[in-house]
Amino acid sequence: DRRGPPGGRGVRREPRPLTARQEAVLAVI
């Protein structure tokens, strides 16, 4: 149940956008 689709290839996902807190931390840096 924990494995992806058969053949070992999962669905390629777009990277998640940064959260507001991550954006704020980057701005401080």
mmCIF file of all heavy atoms, coordinates in Angstrom:
data_MODEL
# 
_entry.id   MODEL 
# 
loop_
_atom_site.group_PDB 
_atom_site.id 
_atom_site.type_symbol 
_atom_site.label_atom_id 
_atom_site.label_alt_id 
_atom_site.label_comp_id 
_atom_site.label_asym_id 
_atom_site.label_entity_id 
_atom_site.label_seq_id 
_atom_site.pdbx_PDB_ins_code 
_atom_site.Cartn_x 
_atom_site.Cartn_y 
_atom_site.Cartn_z 
_atom_site.occupancy 
_atom_site.B_iso_or_equiv 
_atom_site.pdbx_formal_charge 
_atom_site.auth_seq_id 
_atom_site.auth_comp_id 
_atom_site.auth_asym_id 
_atom_site.auth_atom_id 
_atom_site.pdbx_PDB_model_num 
ATOM 1   N N   . ASP A 1 1  ? 0.817  -1.207 0.000   1.00 0.00 ? 1  ASP A N   1 
ATOM 2   C CA  . ASP A 1 1  ? 0.000  0.000  0.000   1.00 0.00 ? 1  ASP A CA  1 
ATOM 3   C C   . ASP A 1 1  ? 0.849  1.256  0.000   1.00 0.00 ? 1  ASP A C   1 
ATOM 4   O O   . ASP A 1 1  ? 0.401  2.312  -0.395  1.00 0.00 ? 1  ASP A O   1 
ATOM 5   C CB  . ASP A 1 1  ? -0.918 0.028  1.228   1.00 0.00 ? 1  ASP A CB  1 
ATOM 6   C CG  . ASP A 1 1  ? -1.941 -1.094 1.181   1.00 0.00 ? 1  ASP A CG  1 
ATOM 7   O OD1 . ASP A 1 1  ? -2.180 -1.622 0.075   1.00 0.00 ? 1  ASP A OD1 1 
ATOM 8   O OD2 . ASP A 1 1  ? -2.466 -1.443 2.246   1.00 0.00 ? 1  ASP A OD2 1 
ATOM 9   N N   . ARG A 1 2  ? 2.095  1.173  0.482   1.00 0.00 ? 2  ARG A N   1 
ATOM 10  C CA  . ARG A 1 2  ? 2.944  2.345  0.589   1.00 0.00 ? 2  ARG A CA  1 
ATOM 11  C C   . ARG A 1 2  ? 3.708  2.630  -0.693  1.00 0.00 ? 2  ARG A C   1 
ATOM 12  O O   . ARG A 1 2  ? 4.244  3.694  -0.873  1.00 0.00 ? 2  ARG A O   1 
ATOM 13  C CB  . ARG A 1 2  ? 3.942  2.161  1.726   1.00 0.00 ? 2  ARG A CB  1 
ATOM 14  C CG  . ARG A 1 2  ? 3.282  2.227  3.081   1.00 0.00 ? 2  ARG A CG  1 
ATOM 15  C CD  . ARG A 1 2  ? 4.317  2.231  4.155   1.00 0.00 ? 2  ARG A CD  1 
ATOM 16  N NE  . ARG A 1 2  ? 5.069  0.995  4.186   1.00 0.00 ? 2  ARG A NE  1 
ATOM 17  C CZ  . ARG A 1 2  ? 5.006  0.099  5.155   1.00 0.00 ? 2  ARG A CZ  1 
ATOM 18  N NH1 . ARG A 1 2  ? 4.227  0.303  6.181   1.00 0.00 ? 2  ARG A NH1 1 
ATOM 19  N NH2 . ARG A 1 2  ? 5.717  -0.991 5.123   1.00 0.00 ? 2  ARG A NH2 1 
ATOM 20  N N   . ARG A 1 3  ? 3.803  1.670  -1.555  1.00 0.00 ? 3  ARG A N   1 
ATOM 21  C CA  . ARG A 1 3  ? 4.547  1.862  -2.799  1.00 0.00 ? 3  ARG A CA  1 
ATOM 22  C C   . ARG A 1 3  ? 3.724  2.640  -3.802  1.00 0.00 ? 3  ARG A C   1 
ATOM 23  O O   . ARG A 1 3  ? 2.514  2.706  -3.719  1.00 0.00 ? 3  ARG A O   1 
ATOM 24  C CB  . ARG A 1 3  ? 4.909  0.512  -3.406  1.00 0.00 ? 3  ARG A CB  1 
ATOM 25  C CG  . ARG A 1 3  ? 6.048  -0.147 -2.664  1.00 0.00 ? 3  ARG A CG  1 
ATOM 26  C CD  . ARG A 1 3  ? 6.504  -1.354 -3.418  1.00 0.00 ? 3  ARG A CD  1 
ATOM 27  N NE  . ARG A 1 3  ? 6.232  -2.495 -2.548  1.00 0.00 ? 3  ARG A NE  1 
ATOM 28  C CZ  . ARG A 1 3  ? 5.826  -3.672 -2.947  1.00 0.00 ? 3  ARG A CZ  1 
ATOM 29  N NH1 . ARG A 1 3  ? 5.629  -3.906 -4.198  1.00 0.00 ? 3  ARG A NH1 1 
ATOM 30  N NH2 . ARG A 1 3  ? 5.603  -4.622 -2.107  1.00 0.00 ? 3  ARG A NH2 1 
ATOM 31  N N   . GLY A 1 4  ? 4.447  3.198  -4.771  1.00 0.00 ? 4  GLY A N   1 
ATOM 32  C CA  . GLY A 1 4  ? 3.797  3.934  -5.849  1.00 0.00 ? 4  GLY A CA  1 
ATOM 33  C C   . GLY A 1 4  ? 3.235  2.983  -6.878  1.00 0.00 ? 4  GLY A C   1 
ATOM 34  O O   . GLY A 1 4  ? 3.052  1.791  -6.631  1.00 0.00 ? 4  GLY A O   1 
ATOM 35  N N   . PRO A 1 5  ? 2.983  3.480  -8.071  1.00 0.00 ? 5  PRO A N   1 
ATOM 36  C CA  . PRO A 1 5  ? 2.445  2.639  -9.134  1.00 0.00 ? 5  PRO A CA  1 
ATOM 37  C C   . PRO A 1 5  ? 3.420  1.526  -9.500  1.00 0.00 ? 5  PRO A C   1 
ATOM 38  O O   . PRO A 1 5  ? 4.615  1.626  -9.262  1.00 0.00 ? 5  PRO A O   1 
ATOM 39  C CB  . PRO A 1 5  ? 2.281  3.609  -10.308 1.00 0.00 ? 5  PRO A CB  1 
ATOM 40  C CG  . PRO A 1 5  ? 2.453  4.966  -9.770  1.00 0.00 ? 5  PRO A CG  1 
ATOM 41  C CD  . PRO A 1 5  ? 3.138  4.854  -8.461  1.00 0.00 ? 5  PRO A CD  1 
ATOM 42  N N   . PRO A 1 6  ? 2.923  0.444  -10.099 1.00 0.00 ? 6  PRO A N   1 
ATOM 43  C CA  . PRO A 1 6  ? 3.800  -0.656 -10.494 1.00 0.00 ? 6  PRO A CA  1 
ATOM 44  C C   . PRO A 1 6  ? 4.882  -0.173 -11.453 1.00 0.00 ? 6  PRO A C   1 
ATOM 45  O O   . PRO A 1 6  ? 4.680  0.749  -12.226 1.00 0.00 ? 6  PRO A O   1 
ATOM 46  C CB  . PRO A 1 6  ? 2.865  -1.647 -11.197 1.00 0.00 ? 6  PRO A CB  1 
ATOM 47  C CG  . PRO A 1 6  ? 1.486  -1.217 -10.873 1.00 0.00 ? 6  PRO A CG  1 
ATOM 48  C CD  . PRO A 1 6  ? 1.537  0.194  -10.430 1.00 0.00 ? 6  PRO A CD  1 
ATOM 49  N N   . GLY A 1 7  ? 6.046  -0.784 -11.368 1.00 0.00 ? 7  GLY A N   1 
ATOM 50  C CA  . GLY A 1 7  ? 7.144  -0.402 -12.247 1.00 0.00 ? 7  GLY A CA  1 
ATOM 51  C C   . GLY A 1 7  ? 8.095  0.573  -11.578 1.00 0.00 ? 7  GLY A C   1 
ATOM 52  O O   . GLY A 1 7  ? 9.119  0.929  -12.136 1.00 0.00 ? 7  GLY A O   1 
ATOM 53  N N   . GLY A 1 8  ? 7.778  1.024  -10.370 1.00 0.00 ? 8  GLY A N   1 
ATOM 54  C CA  . GLY A 1 8  ? 8.688  1.877  -9.639  1.00 0.00 ? 8  GLY A CA  1 
ATOM 55  C C   . GLY A 1 8  ? 8.687  3.341  -10.046 1.00 0.00 ? 8  GLY A C   1 
ATOM 56  O O   . GLY A 1 8  ? 9.470  4.122  -9.561  1.00 0.00 ? 8  GLY A O   1 
ATOM 57  N N   . ARG A 1 9  ? 7.843  3.728  -10.957 1.00 0.00 ? 9  ARG A N   1 
ATOM 58  C CA  . ARG A 1 9  ? 7.818  5.127  -11.391 1.00 0.00 ? 9  ARG A CA  1 
ATOM 59  C C   . ARG A 1 9  ? 6.610  5.814  -10.786 1.00 0.00 ? 9  ARG A C   1 
ATOM 60  O O   . ARG A 1 9  ? 5.471  5.437  -11.021 1.00 0.00 ? 9  ARG A O   1 
ATOM 61  C CB  . ARG A 1 9  ? 7.746  5.213  -12.908 1.00 0.00 ? 9  ARG A CB  1 
ATOM 62  C CG  . ARG A 1 9  ? 9.012  4.709  -13.544 1.00 0.00 ? 9  ARG A CG  1 
ATOM 63  C CD  . ARG A 1 9  ? 9.081  5.190  -14.975 1.00 0.00 ? 9  ARG A CD  1 
ATOM 64  N NE  . ARG A 1 9  ? 10.380 4.838  -15.511 1.00 0.00 ? 9  ARG A NE  1 
ATOM 65  C CZ  . ARG A 1 9  ? 10.564 3.975  -16.476 1.00 0.00 ? 9  ARG A CZ  1 
ATOM 66  N NH1 . ARG A 1 9  ? 9.529  3.389  -17.036 1.00 0.00 ? 9  ARG A NH1 1 
ATOM 67  N NH2 . ARG A 1 9  ? 11.759 3.715  -16.914 1.00 0.00 ? 9  ARG A NH2 1 
ATOM 68  N N   . GLY A 1 10 ? 6.866  6.833  -10.008 1.00 0.00 ? 10 GLY A N   1 
ATOM 69  C CA  . GLY A 1 10 ? 5.784  7.583  -9.382  1.00 0.00 ? 10 GLY A CA  1 
ATOM 70  C C   . GLY A 1 10 ? 5.337  8.726  -10.276 1.00 0.00 ? 10 GLY A C   1 
ATOM 71  O O   . GLY A 1 10 ? 5.881  8.963  -11.346 1.00 0.00 ? 10 GLY A O   1 
ATOM 72  N N   . VAL A 1 11 ? 4.358  9.416  -9.832  1.00 0.00 ? 11 VAL A N   1 
ATOM 73  C CA  . VAL A 1 11 ? 3.848  10.570 -10.551 1.00 0.00 ? 11 VAL A CA  1 
ATOM 74  C C   . VAL A 1 11 ? 4.770  11.741 -10.256 1.00 0.00 ? 11 VAL A C   1 
ATOM 75  O O   . VAL A 1 11 ? 5.044  12.050 -9.105  1.00 0.00 ? 11 VAL A O   1 
ATOM 76  C CB  . VAL A 1 11 ? 2.405  10.896 -10.099 1.00 0.00 ? 11 VAL A CB  1 
ATOM 77  C CG1 . VAL A 1 11 ? 1.901  12.151 -10.765 1.00 0.00 ? 11 VAL A CG1 1 
ATOM 78  C CG2 . VAL A 1 11 ? 1.497  9.723  -10.377 1.00 0.00 ? 11 VAL A CG2 1 
ATOM 79  N N   . ARG A 1 12 ? 5.267  12.405 -11.291 1.00 0.00 ? 12 ARG A N   1 
ATOM 80  C CA  . ARG A 1 12 ? 6.146  13.555 -11.092 1.00 0.00 ? 12 ARG A CA  1 
ATOM 81  C C   . ARG A 1 12 ? 5.273  14.753 -10.744 1.00 0.00 ? 12 ARG A C   1 
ATOM 82  O O   . ARG A 1 12 ? 4.356  15.102 -11.457 1.00 0.00 ? 12 ARG A O   1 
ATOM 83  C CB  . ARG A 1 12 ? 6.952  13.842 -12.352 1.00 0.00 ? 12 ARG A CB  1 
ATOM 84  C CG  . ARG A 1 12 ? 7.961  14.951 -12.144 1.00 0.00 ? 12 ARG A CG  1 
ATOM 85  C CD  . ARG A 1 12 ? 8.878  15.086 -13.309 1.00 0.00 ? 12 ARG A CD  1 
ATOM 86  N NE  . ARG A 1 12 ? 9.658  13.899 -13.548 1.00 0.00 ? 12 ARG A NE  1 
ATOM 87  C CZ  . ARG A 1 12 ? 10.871 13.688 -13.020 1.00 0.00 ? 12 ARG A CZ  1 
ATOM 88  N NH1 . ARG A 1 12 ? 11.387 14.565 -12.222 1.00 0.00 ? 12 ARG A NH1 1 
ATOM 89  N NH2 . ARG A 1 12 ? 11.530 12.606 -13.303 1.00 0.00 ? 12 ARG A NH2 1 
ATOM 90  N N   . ARG A 1 13 ? 5.609  15.369 -9.603  1.00 0.00 ? 13 ARG A N   1 
ATOM 91  C CA  . ARG A 1 13 ? 4.829  16.504 -9.147  1.00 0.00 ? 13 ARG A CA  1 
ATOM 92  C C   . ARG A 1 13 ? 5.639  17.776 -9.268  1.00 0.00 ? 13 ARG A C   1 
ATOM 93  O O   . ARG A 1 13 ? 6.860  17.753 -9.171  1.00 0.00 ? 13 ARG A O   1 
ATOM 94  C CB  . ARG A 1 13 ? 4.433  16.320 -7.694  1.00 0.00 ? 13 ARG A CB  1 
ATOM 95  C CG  . ARG A 1 13 ? 3.526  15.156 -7.475  1.00 0.00 ? 13 ARG A CG  1 
ATOM 96  C CD  . ARG A 1 13 ? 3.141  15.056 -6.038  1.00 0.00 ? 13 ARG A CD  1 
ATOM 97  N NE  . ARG A 1 13 ? 2.278  13.900 -5.847  1.00 0.00 ? 13 ARG A NE  1 
ATOM 98  C CZ  . ARG A 1 13 ? 2.104  13.299 -4.702  1.00 0.00 ? 13 ARG A CZ  1 
ATOM 99  N NH1 . ARG A 1 13 ? 2.713  13.731 -3.644  1.00 0.00 ? 13 ARG A NH1 1 
ATOM 100 N NH2 . ARG A 1 13 ? 1.314  12.260 -4.609  1.00 0.00 ? 13 ARG A NH2 1 
ATOM 101 N N   . GLU A 1 14 ? 4.938  18.859 -9.455  1.00 0.00 ? 14 GLU A N   1 
ATOM 102 C CA  . GLU A 1 14 ? 5.587  20.162 -9.465  1.00 0.00 ? 14 GLU A CA  1 
ATOM 103 C C   . GLU A 1 14 ? 6.003  20.487 -8.037  1.00 0.00 ? 14 GLU A C   1 
ATOM 104 O O   . GLU A 1 14 ? 5.304  20.130 -7.094  1.00 0.00 ? 14 GLU A O   1 
ATOM 105 C CB  . GLU A 1 14 ? 4.616  21.232 -9.973  1.00 0.00 ? 14 GLU A CB  1 
ATOM 106 C CG  . GLU A 1 14 ? 4.259  21.082 -11.425 1.00 0.00 ? 14 GLU A CG  1 
ATOM 107 C CD  . GLU A 1 14 ? 5.446  21.270 -12.353 1.00 0.00 ? 14 GLU A CD  1 
ATOM 108 O OE1 . GLU A 1 14 ? 6.268  22.166 -12.086 1.00 0.00 ? 14 GLU A OE1 1 
ATOM 109 O OE2 . GLU A 1 14 ? 5.546  20.515 -13.319 1.00 0.00 ? 14 GLU A OE2 1 
ATOM 110 N N   . PRO A 1 15 ? 7.141  21.165 -7.860  1.00 0.00 ? 15 PRO A N   1 
ATOM 111 C CA  . PRO A 1 15 ? 7.532  21.524 -6.502  1.00 0.00 ? 15 PRO A CA  1 
ATOM 112 C C   . PRO A 1 15 ? 6.521  22.479 -5.883  1.00 0.00 ? 15 PRO A C   1 
ATOM 113 O O   . PRO A 1 15 ? 5.952  23.329 -6.568  1.00 0.00 ? 15 PRO A O   1 
ATOM 114 C CB  . PRO A 1 15 ? 8.890  22.205 -6.678  1.00 0.00 ? 15 PRO A CB  1 
ATOM 115 C CG  . PRO A 1 15 ? 9.002  22.527 -8.114  1.00 0.00 ? 15 PRO A CG  1 
ATOM 116 C CD  . PRO A 1 15 ? 8.084  21.617 -8.856  1.00 0.00 ? 15 PRO A CD  1 
ATOM 117 N N   . ARG A 1 16 ? 6.306  22.298 -4.598  1.00 0.00 ? 16 ARG A N   1 
ATOM 118 C CA  . ARG A 1 16 ? 5.350  23.156 -3.905  1.00 0.00 ? 16 ARG A CA  1 
ATOM 119 C C   . ARG A 1 16 ? 5.887  24.576 -3.817  1.00 0.00 ? 16 ARG A C   1 
ATOM 120 O O   . ARG A 1 16 ? 7.084  24.779 -3.658  1.00 0.00 ? 16 ARG A O   1 
ATOM 121 C CB  . ARG A 1 16 ? 5.116  22.648 -2.491  1.00 0.00 ? 16 ARG A CB  1 
ATOM 122 C CG  . ARG A 1 16 ? 4.350  21.380 -2.435  1.00 0.00 ? 16 ARG A CG  1 
ATOM 123 C CD  . ARG A 1 16 ? 4.091  21.019 -1.013  1.00 0.00 ? 16 ARG A CD  1 
ATOM 124 N NE  . ARG A 1 16 ? 3.275  19.816 -0.928  1.00 0.00 ? 16 ARG A NE  1 
ATOM 125 C CZ  . ARG A 1 16 ? 2.969  19.227 0.196   1.00 0.00 ? 16 ARG A CZ  1 
ATOM 126 N NH1 . ARG A 1 16 ? 3.415  19.704 1.334   1.00 0.00 ? 16 ARG A NH1 1 
ATOM 127 N NH2 . ARG A 1 16 ? 2.236  18.151 0.192   1.00 0.00 ? 16 ARG A NH2 1 
ATOM 128 N N   . PRO A 1 17 ? 5.007  25.556 -3.878  1.00 0.00 ? 17 PRO A N   1 
ATOM 129 C CA  . PRO A 1 17 ? 5.467  26.939 -3.700  1.00 0.00 ? 17 PRO A CA  1 
ATOM 130 C C   . PRO A 1 17 ? 5.884  27.159 -2.252  1.00 0.00 ? 17 PRO A C   1 
ATOM 131 O O   . PRO A 1 17 ? 5.483  26.421 -1.350  1.00 0.00 ? 17 PRO A O   1 
ATOM 132 C CB  . PRO A 1 17 ? 4.229  27.770 -4.057  1.00 0.00 ? 17 PRO A CB  1 
ATOM 133 C CG  . PRO A 1 17 ? 3.079  26.854 -3.877  1.00 0.00 ? 17 PRO A CG  1 
ATOM 134 C CD  . PRO A 1 17 ? 3.581  25.472 -4.155  1.00 0.00 ? 17 PRO A CD  1 
ATOM 135 N N   . LEU A 1 18 ? 6.695  28.185 -2.036  1.00 0.00 ? 18 LEU A N   1 
ATOM 136 C CA  . LEU A 1 18 ? 7.139  28.498 -0.684  1.00 0.00 ? 18 LEU A CA  1 
ATOM 137 C C   . LEU A 1 18 ? 5.964  28.975 0.155   1.00 0.00 ? 18 LEU A C   1 
ATOM 138 O O   . LEU A 1 18 ? 5.071  29.653 -0.341  1.00 0.00 ? 18 LEU A O   1 
ATOM 139 C CB  . LEU A 1 18 ? 8.199  29.596 -0.716  1.00 0.00 ? 18 LEU A CB  1 
ATOM 140 C CG  . LEU A 1 18 ? 9.538  29.233 -1.340  1.00 0.00 ? 18 LEU A CG  1 
ATOM 141 C CD1 . LEU A 1 18 ? 10.452 30.449 -1.348  1.00 0.00 ? 18 LEU A CD1 1 
ATOM 142 C CD2 . LEU A 1 18 ? 10.195 28.099 -0.602  1.00 0.00 ? 18 LEU A CD2 1 
ATOM 143 N N   . THR A 1 19 ? 5.997  28.645 1.430   1.00 0.00 ? 19 THR A N   1 
ATOM 144 C CA  . THR A 1 19 ? 4.971  29.144 2.336   1.00 0.00 ? 19 THR A CA  1 
ATOM 145 C C   . THR A 1 19 ? 5.270  30.606 2.658   1.00 0.00 ? 19 THR A C   1 
ATOM 146 O O   . THR A 1 19 ? 6.373  31.102 2.407   1.00 0.00 ? 19 THR A O   1 
ATOM 147 C CB  . THR A 1 19 ? 4.955  28.331 3.637   1.00 0.00 ? 19 THR A CB  1 
ATOM 148 O OG1 . THR A 1 19 ? 6.209  28.514 4.313   1.00 0.00 ? 19 THR A OG1 1 
ATOM 149 C CG2 . THR A 1 19 ? 4.716  26.852 3.368   1.00 0.00 ? 19 THR A CG2 1 
ATOM 150 N N   . ALA A 1 20 ? 4.300  31.281 3.236   1.00 0.00 ? 20 ALA A N   1 
ATOM 151 C CA  . ALA A 1 20 ? 4.493  32.691 3.610   1.00 0.00 ? 20 ALA A CA  1 
ATOM 152 C C   . ALA A 1 20 ? 5.616  32.821 4.629   1.00 0.00 ? 20 ALA A C   1 
ATOM 153 O O   . ALA A 1 20 ? 6.418  33.764 4.583   1.00 0.00 ? 20 ALA A O   1 
ATOM 154 C CB  . ALA A 1 20 ? 3.194  33.258 4.170   1.00 0.00 ? 20 ALA A CB  1 
ATOM 155 N N   . ARG A 1 21 ? 5.723  31.882 5.544   1.00 0.00 ? 21 ARG A N   1 
ATOM 156 C CA  . ARG A 1 21 ? 6.768  31.925 6.558   1.00 0.00 ? 21 ARG A CA  1 
ATOM 157 C C   . ARG A 1 21 ? 8.145  31.720 5.914   1.00 0.00 ? 21 ARG A C   1 
ATOM 158 O O   . ARG A 1 21 ? 9.115  32.385 6.277   1.00 0.00 ? 21 ARG A O   1 
ATOM 159 C CB  . ARG A 1 21 ? 6.506  30.865 7.614   1.00 0.00 ? 21 ARG A CB  1 
ATOM 160 C CG  . ARG A 1 21 ? 7.506  30.934 8.734   1.00 0.00 ? 21 ARG A CG  1 
ATOM 161 C CD  . ARG A 1 21 ? 6.984  30.345 9.996   1.00 0.00 ? 21 ARG A CD  1 
ATOM 162 N NE  . ARG A 1 21 ? 5.981  31.224 10.562  1.00 0.00 ? 21 ARG A NE  1 
ATOM 163 C CZ  . ARG A 1 21 ? 4.995  30.814 11.356  1.00 0.00 ? 21 ARG A CZ  1 
ATOM 164 N NH1 . ARG A 1 21 ? 4.880  29.555 11.653  1.00 0.00 ? 21 ARG A NH1 1 
ATOM 165 N NH2 . ARG A 1 21 ? 4.122  31.658 11.840  1.00 0.00 ? 21 ARG A NH2 1 
ATOM 166 N N   . GLN A 1 22 ? 8.244  30.799 4.954   1.00 0.00 ? 22 GLN A N   1 
ATOM 167 C CA  . GLN A 1 22 ? 9.516  30.592 4.270   1.00 0.00 ? 22 GLN A CA  1 
ATOM 168 C C   . GLN A 1 22 ? 9.926  31.825 3.483   1.00 0.00 ? 22 GLN A C   1 
ATOM 169 O O   . GLN A 1 22 ? 11.095 32.197 3.460   1.00 0.00 ? 22 GLN A O   1 
ATOM 170 C CB  . GLN A 1 22 ? 9.433  29.367 3.359   1.00 0.00 ? 22 GLN A CB  1 
ATOM 171 C CG  . GLN A 1 22 ? 9.370  28.064 4.105   1.00 0.00 ? 22 GLN A CG  1 
ATOM 172 C CD  . GLN A 1 22 ? 9.060  26.883 3.224   1.00 0.00 ? 22 GLN A CD  1 
ATOM 173 O OE1 . GLN A 1 22 ? 8.532  27.025 2.118   1.00 0.00 ? 22 GLN A OE1 1 
ATOM 174 N NE2 . GLN A 1 22 ? 9.370  25.690 3.699   1.00 0.00 ? 22 GLN A NE2 1 
ATOM 175 N N   . GLU A 1 23 ? 8.950  32.474 2.851   1.00 0.00 ? 23 GLU A N   1 
ATOM 176 C CA  . GLU A 1 23 ? 9.233  33.728 2.138   1.00 0.00 ? 23 GLU A CA  1 
ATOM 177 C C   . GLU A 1 23 ? 9.742  34.789 3.103   1.00 0.00 ? 23 GLU A C   1 
ATOM 178 O O   . GLU A 1 23 ? 10.681 35.528 2.801   1.00 0.00 ? 23 GLU A O   1 
ATOM 179 C CB  . GLU A 1 23 ? 7.965  34.239 1.437   1.00 0.00 ? 23 GLU A CB  1 
ATOM 180 C CG  . GLU A 1 23 ? 7.526  33.413 0.257   1.00 0.00 ? 23 GLU A CG  1 
ATOM 181 C CD  . GLU A 1 23 ? 8.328  33.672 -1.004  1.00 0.00 ? 23 GLU A CD  1 
ATOM 182 O OE1 . GLU A 1 23 ? 9.156  34.597 -1.007  1.00 0.00 ? 23 GLU A OE1 1 
ATOM 183 O OE2 . GLU A 1 23 ? 8.110  32.943 -1.975  1.00 0.00 ? 23 GLU A OE2 1 
ATOM 184 N N   . ALA A 1 24 ? 9.124  34.869 4.294   1.00 0.00 ? 24 ALA A N   1 
ATOM 185 C CA  . ALA A 1 24 ? 9.540  35.859 5.285   1.00 0.00 ? 24 ALA A CA  1 
ATOM 186 C C   . ALA A 1 24 ? 10.955 35.574 5.782   1.00 0.00 ? 24 ALA A C   1 
ATOM 187 O O   . ALA A 1 24 ? 11.762 36.498 5.945   1.00 0.00 ? 24 ALA A O   1 
ATOM 188 C CB  . ALA A 1 24 ? 8.556  35.864 6.453   1.00 0.00 ? 24 ALA A CB  1 
ATOM 189 N N   . VAL A 1 25 ? 11.274 34.309 6.002   1.00 0.00 ? 25 VAL A N   1 
ATOM 190 C CA  . VAL A 1 25 ? 12.625 33.942 6.452   1.00 0.00 ? 25 VAL A CA  1 
ATOM 191 C C   . VAL A 1 25 ? 13.648 34.303 5.382   1.00 0.00 ? 25 VAL A C   1 
ATOM 192 O O   . VAL A 1 25 ? 14.708 34.863 5.683   1.00 0.00 ? 25 VAL A O   1 
ATOM 193 C CB  . VAL A 1 25 ? 12.695 32.442 6.819   1.00 0.00 ? 25 VAL A CB  1 
ATOM 194 C CG1 . VAL A 1 25 ? 14.125 31.990 7.030   1.00 0.00 ? 25 VAL A CG1 1 
ATOM 195 C CG2 . VAL A 1 25 ? 11.858 32.156 8.055   1.00 0.00 ? 25 VAL A CG2 1 
ATOM 196 N N   . LEU A 1 26 ? 13.332 34.018 4.124   1.00 0.00 ? 26 LEU A N   1 
ATOM 197 C CA  . LEU A 1 26 ? 14.232 34.384 3.032   1.00 0.00 ? 26 LEU A CA  1 
ATOM 198 C C   . LEU A 1 26 ? 14.428 35.895 2.951   1.00 0.00 ? 26 LEU A C   1 
ATOM 199 O O   . LEU A 1 26 ? 15.541 36.372 2.703   1.00 0.00 ? 26 LEU A O   1 
ATOM 200 C CB  . LEU A 1 26 ? 13.691 33.868 1.696   1.00 0.00 ? 26 LEU A CB  1 
ATOM 201 C CG  . LEU A 1 26 ? 14.049 32.444 1.322   1.00 0.00 ? 26 LEU A CG  1 
ATOM 202 C CD1 . LEU A 1 26 ? 13.386 32.065 -0.003  1.00 0.00 ? 26 LEU A CD1 1 
ATOM 203 C CD2 . LEU A 1 26 ? 15.530 32.244 1.233   1.00 0.00 ? 26 LEU A CD2 1 
ATOM 204 N N   . ALA A 1 27 ? 13.362 36.655 3.179   1.00 0.00 ? 27 ALA A N   1 
ATOM 205 C CA  . ALA A 1 27 ? 13.463 38.113 3.139   1.00 0.00 ? 27 ALA A CA  1 
ATOM 206 C C   . ALA A 1 27 ? 14.364 38.625 4.257   1.00 0.00 ? 27 ALA A C   1 
ATOM 207 O O   . ALA A 1 27 ? 15.173 39.548 4.049   1.00 0.00 ? 27 ALA A O   1 
ATOM 208 C CB  . ALA A 1 27 ? 12.079 38.738 3.245   1.00 0.00 ? 27 ALA A CB  1 
ATOM 209 N N   . VAL A 1 28 ? 14.275 38.028 5.442   1.00 0.00 ? 28 VAL A N   1 
ATOM 210 C CA  . VAL A 1 28 ? 15.131 38.426 6.563   1.00 0.00 ? 28 VAL A CA  1 
ATOM 211 C C   . VAL A 1 28 ? 16.586 38.124 6.234   1.00 0.00 ? 28 VAL A C   1 
ATOM 212 O O   . VAL A 1 28 ? 17.481 38.943 6.476   1.00 0.00 ? 28 VAL A O   1 
ATOM 213 C CB  . VAL A 1 28 ? 14.694 37.717 7.864   1.00 0.00 ? 28 VAL A CB  1 
ATOM 214 C CG1 . VAL A 1 28 ? 15.715 37.912 8.969   1.00 0.00 ? 28 VAL A CG1 1 
ATOM 215 C CG2 . VAL A 1 28 ? 13.331 38.203 8.300   1.00 0.00 ? 28 VAL A CG2 1 
ATOM 216 N N   . ILE A 1 29 ? 16.849 36.964 5.676   1.00 0.00 ? 29 ILE A N   1 
ATOM 217 C CA  . ILE A 1 29 ? 18.223 36.590 5.313   1.00 0.00 ? 29 ILE A CA  1 
ATOM 218 C C   . ILE A 1 29 ? 18.750 37.537 4.240   1.00 0.00 ? 29 ILE A C   1 
ATOM 219 O O   . ILE A 1 29 ? 19.882 38.032 4.326   1.00 0.00 ? 29 ILE A O   1 
ATOM 220 C CB  . ILE A 1 29 ? 18.279 35.121 4.835   1.00 0.00 ? 29 ILE A CB  1 
ATOM 221 C CG1 . ILE A 1 29 ? 17.950 34.176 5.984   1.00 0.00 ? 29 ILE A CG1 1 
ATOM 222 C CG2 . ILE A 1 29 ? 19.645 34.790 4.251   1.00 0.00 ? 29 ILE A CG2 1 
ATOM 223 C CD1 . ILE A 1 29 ? 17.730 32.745 5.565   1.00 0.00 ? 29 ILE A CD1 1 
# 
